[in-house]
Amino acid sequence: ERELTVMLVVDVSGSGEYGSVEDSKRERAAELAAVFAFSAVQNQDKVGLILFSDQIEQYLPARKGSSHALRILRDILSLQPKSPCTDITPALELAQERIAHRALIIMISDFVMPDARWEKTLRTTAAKHDVVSVHVLDPKELMLPDAGRVCLEDPETGEQIVLNTSDPAVRRAFAERSSGQQLNLNNVLRKNGVESIHVQTDQDYVPALKSYFRARRRRKR
């Protein structure tokens, strides 16, 4: 493929700051974005960036070159978002508005969305462009540890709740709720023809990316 435009749509909302292991979700998102950006550079493609919370936090038009890719990485790590909340809708609308020809749009997010309104915009974006979802999760978002009573705070709303994580029923309910959310997201993406890459902050992401790139090469032959 030549002269492909790659647009990285990266979530910088408050929930990305969470990390129960060495890397926060935002740090892992930056690392993944760097992989895609330098892959585009190596392939002589243009790469751009949209950073979003529930608004557009920053937009860099697609350009070629390693210096541009380095700026993308720096901006993801250094930007202080104006809002802690999440809504990918404005970012997808901007991508539709600014990219005239068919492009590859890579959404990197934990997809902690307050409602399902973004699905309509995703559908129109996926009809115009190739869209890939990179879902970044922390392992503690899938299953609570047995750690006694803990206070959990939503980093986007500030809402707090106290849970007794020593209660197996509490841990089971949390895991079931998390599993339901993942299933719902996967259904939304699949229904709209969006490819999915799943990454956990405590695991090596290289196998998942290799699998994606191999599958993409096969489709383009």
Protein backbone atom coordinates (compact mmCIF):
# COMPACT_ATOMS: atom_id res chain seq x y z
CA GLU A 1 0.00 0.00 0.00
CA ARG A 2 1.32 3.44 -0.85
CA GLU A 3 0.20 6.92 0.12
CA LEU A 4 -2.03 5.52 2.84
CA THR A 5 -3.22 8.02 5.44
CA VAL A 6 -3.18 6.69 8.99
CA MET A 7 -5.11 8.72 11.59
CA LEU A 8 -4.48 7.86 15.23
CA VAL A 9 -7.48 8.69 17.42
CA VAL A 10 -6.18 8.46 20.98
CA ASP A 11 -8.14 8.72 24.23
CA VAL A 12 -6.55 11.08 26.82
CA SER A 13 -9.52 11.19 29.23
CA GLY A 14 -9.18 10.72 32.99
CA SER A 15 -9.75 6.96 33.02
CA GLY A 16 -6.51 6.49 31.05
CA GLU A 17 -4.45 7.60 34.04
CA TYR A 18 -5.34 4.43 35.94
CA GLY A 19 -2.68 1.77 36.30
CA SER A 20 -2.38 -1.13 38.73
CA VAL A 21 0.84 -2.31 37.08
CA GLU A 22 3.95 -0.53 35.78
CA ASP A 23 2.22 1.20 32.85
CA SER A 24 -0.96 3.24 33.06
CA LYS A 25 -3.46 2.82 30.25
CA ARG A 26 -2.39 6.17 28.80
CA GLU A 27 1.28 5.18 28.78
CA ARG A 28 0.44 1.93 27.04
CA ALA A 29 -1.76 3.82 24.55
CA ALA A 30 1.17 6.14 23.76
CA GLU A 31 3.44 3.15 23.19
CA LEU A 32 0.92 1.53 20.85
CA ALA A 33 0.40 4.79 18.98
CA ALA A 34 4.17 5.04 18.51
CA VAL A 35 4.27 1.55 16.99
CA PHE A 36 1.58 2.46 14.47
CA ALA A 37 3.13 5.87 13.75
CA PHE A 38 6.60 4.49 13.02
CA SER A 39 5.11 1.63 11.02
CA ALA A 40 3.44 4.26 8.83
CA VAL A 41 6.73 6.17 8.54
CA GLN A 42 8.57 3.00 7.52
CA ASN A 43 5.93 2.38 4.85
CA GLN A 44 6.22 5.95 3.54
CA ASP A 45 2.68 6.73 4.66
CA LYS A 46 1.24 9.84 6.23
CA VAL A 47 0.20 9.70 9.88
CA GLY A 48 -1.91 12.16 11.87
CA LEU A 49 -3.23 12.44 15.39
CA ILE A 50 -6.48 13.33 17.14
CA LEU A 51 -6.34 13.43 20.94
CA PHE A 52 -9.77 13.41 22.56
CA SER A 53 -11.58 13.44 25.90
CA ASP A 54 -15.21 14.42 25.44
CA GLN A 55 -13.88 17.11 23.09
CA ILE A 56 -11.01 17.55 20.67
CA GLU A 57 -7.91 18.11 22.79
CA GLN A 58 -5.43 18.28 19.90
CA TYR A 59 -5.32 17.67 16.17
CA LEU A 60 -2.22 17.12 14.03
CA PRO A 61 -2.82 16.77 10.28
CA ALA A 62 -1.33 13.69 8.64
CA ARG A 63 2.29 14.09 7.49
CA LYS A 64 5.25 11.87 6.66
CA GLY A 65 8.55 11.58 8.49
CA SER A 66 10.07 10.30 11.72
CA SER A 67 10.17 13.77 13.31
CA HIS A 68 6.39 14.00 12.93
CA ALA A 69 5.99 10.54 14.49
CA LEU A 70 8.16 11.63 17.42
CA ARG A 71 5.98 14.69 17.92
CA ILE A 72 2.91 12.46 18.02
CA LEU A 73 4.45 10.39 20.80
CA ARG A 74 5.54 13.49 22.74
CA ASP A 75 2.11 15.12 22.47
CA ILE A 76 0.26 12.03 23.71
CA LEU A 77 2.45 11.83 26.80
CA SER A 78 2.67 15.54 27.62
CA LEU A 79 -0.79 16.90 26.85
CA GLN A 80 -2.89 17.93 29.85
CA PRO A 81 -6.52 17.42 28.78
CA LYS A 82 -9.08 20.14 29.46
CA SER A 83 -11.74 17.58 30.38
CA PRO A 84 -11.55 14.27 32.29
CA CYS A 85 -14.64 12.85 30.53
CA THR A 86 -14.89 10.61 27.46
CA ASP A 87 -16.81 10.85 24.21
CA ILE A 88 -15.19 9.69 20.98
CA THR A 89 -17.94 11.21 18.81
CA PRO A 90 -16.24 14.62 18.19
CA ALA A 91 -12.98 12.88 17.26
CA LEU A 92 -14.64 10.59 14.72
CA GLU A 93 -16.59 13.52 13.26
CA LEU A 94 -13.34 15.49 12.86
CA ALA A 95 -11.70 12.52 11.12
CA GLN A 96 -14.61 12.35 8.67
CA GLU A 97 -14.41 16.08 8.06
CA ARG A 98 -10.64 16.35 7.54
CA ILE A 99 -9.86 13.16 5.58
CA ALA A 100 -11.29 13.26 2.08
CA HIS A 101 -10.11 9.88 0.76
CA ARG A 102 -10.31 6.44 2.31
CA ALA A 103 -7.88 6.12 5.21
CA LEU A 104 -6.96 3.86 8.10
CA ILE A 105 -8.35 5.17 11.38
CA ILE A 106 -6.95 3.57 14.53
CA MET A 107 -8.92 4.23 17.71
CA ILE A 108 -6.83 3.66 20.86
CA SER A 109 -8.96 3.83 24.00
CA ASP A 110 -10.28 1.97 27.04
CA PHE A 111 -13.75 2.67 25.58
CA VAL A 112 -15.22 3.72 28.91
CA MET A 113 -18.08 5.63 27.28
CA PRO A 114 -21.04 7.07 29.22
CA ASP A 115 -23.60 5.99 26.62
CA ALA A 116 -24.02 4.40 23.21
CA ARG A 117 -24.50 7.60 21.18
CA TRP A 118 -21.05 7.21 19.64
CA GLU A 119 -22.15 4.09 17.75
CA LYS A 120 -23.99 6.12 15.09
CA THR A 121 -20.87 8.17 14.35
CA LEU A 122 -18.75 5.02 14.34
CA ARG A 123 -21.06 3.50 11.74
CA THR A 124 -20.72 6.44 9.34
CA THR A 125 -16.94 6.58 9.89
CA ALA A 126 -16.52 2.85 9.22
CA ALA A 127 -18.57 3.18 6.02
CA LYS A 128 -16.06 5.73 4.71
CA HIS A 129 -12.76 4.48 6.17
CA ASP A 130 -11.01 1.36 7.43
CA VAL A 131 -11.43 1.53 11.21
CA VAL A 132 -9.45 -0.45 13.78
CA SER A 133 -10.12 -0.52 17.52
CA VAL A 134 -7.24 -0.96 19.97
CA HIS A 135 -8.87 -1.67 23.32
CA VAL A 136 -6.52 -0.98 26.25
CA LEU A 137 -7.46 -2.50 29.60
CA ASP A 138 -5.91 -2.78 33.04
CA PRO A 139 -6.21 -6.31 34.56
CA LYS A 140 -7.91 -4.96 37.70
CA GLU A 141 -10.75 -3.70 35.50
CA LEU A 142 -11.58 -7.30 34.64
CA MET A 143 -11.41 -8.86 38.09
CA LEU A 144 -11.11 -7.39 41.58
CA PRO A 145 -8.44 -8.75 43.92
CA ASP A 146 -9.31 -9.99 47.41
CA ALA A 147 -8.14 -6.84 49.22
CA GLY A 148 -10.78 -6.20 51.88
CA ARG A 149 -12.79 -2.99 51.85
CA VAL A 150 -11.62 -0.57 49.16
CA CYS A 151 -12.85 2.81 47.94
CA LEU A 152 -13.15 3.02 44.17
CA GLU A 153 -13.33 6.43 42.50
CA ASP A 154 -14.42 7.17 38.95
CA PRO A 155 -11.59 9.37 37.58
CA GLU A 156 -13.95 11.08 35.15
CA THR A 157 -16.89 11.90 37.44
CA GLY A 158 -15.33 11.76 40.90
CA GLU A 159 -18.06 9.36 42.08
CA GLN A 160 -16.87 7.05 44.86
CA ILE A 161 -18.09 3.67 46.06
CA VAL A 162 -16.87 1.39 48.86
CA LEU A 163 -16.73 -2.33 48.07
CA ASN A 164 -15.88 -5.30 50.25
CA THR A 165 -13.63 -7.16 47.82
CA SER A 166 -13.24 -10.04 50.28
CA ASP A 167 -16.83 -11.02 49.50
CA PRO A 168 -16.78 -13.58 46.63
CA ALA A 169 -20.24 -12.40 45.52
CA VAL A 170 -18.92 -8.85 45.09
CA ARG A 171 -15.94 -10.02 43.04
CA ARG A 172 -18.18 -12.28 40.94
CA ALA A 173 -20.68 -9.45 40.26
CA PHE A 174 -17.82 -7.13 39.28
CA ALA A 175 -16.36 -9.71 36.89
CA GLU A 176 -19.77 -10.41 35.34
CA ARG A 177 -20.42 -6.70 34.84
CA SER A 178 -17.00 -6.22 33.26
CA SER A 179 -17.50 -9.25 31.01
CA GLY A 180 -20.87 -7.88 29.91
CA GLN A 181 -19.33 -4.52 29.03
CA GLN A 182 -16.60 -6.20 26.95
CA LEU A 183 -19.18 -8.34 25.15
CA ASN A 184 -21.34 -5.31 24.37
CA LEU A 185 -18.35 -3.36 23.01
CA ASN A 186 -17.25 -6.30 20.86
CA ASN A 187 -20.77 -6.61 19.44
CA VAL A 188 -20.86 -2.90 18.55
CA LEU A 189 -17.48 -3.09 16.81
CA ARG A 190 -18.26 -6.32 14.95
CA LYS A 191 -21.67 -5.06 13.81
CA ASN A 192 -20.04 -2.00 12.26
CA GLY A 193 -17.19 -3.85 10.57
CA VAL A 194 -14.48 -2.58 12.91
CA GLU A 195 -11.43 -4.77 13.54
CA SER A 196 -10.44 -5.23 17.19
CA ILE A 197 -7.09 -5.55 18.92
CA HIS A 198 -7.19 -6.24 22.68
CA VAL A 199 -4.30 -5.15 24.87
CA GLN A 200 -3.84 -5.51 28.64
CA THR A 201 -1.32 -3.34 30.43
CA ASP A 202 0.20 -6.36 32.19
CA GLN A 203 0.76 -8.34 28.98
CA ASP A 204 3.01 -8.14 25.94
CA TYR A 205 1.11 -6.47 23.10
CA VAL A 206 3.50 -7.62 20.35
CA PRO A 207 1.67 -10.90 19.53
CA ALA A 208 -1.64 -9.07 19.10
CA LEU A 209 -0.08 -6.47 16.79
CA LYS A 210 1.78 -9.11 14.77
CA SER A 211 -1.47 -10.98 14.27
CA TYR A 212 -3.19 -7.78 13.10
CA PHE A 213 -0.43 -6.83 10.63
CA ARG A 214 -0.27 -10.37 9.22
CA ALA A 215 -4.04 -10.45 8.71
CA ARG A 216 -3.95 -7.02 7.06
CA ARG A 217 -1.20 -8.10 4.65
CA ARG A 218 -3.21 -11.18 3.66
CA ARG A 219 -6.30 -9.09 2.95
CA LYS A 220 -4.35 -6.64 0.77
CA ARG A 221 -2.77 -9.28 -1.46
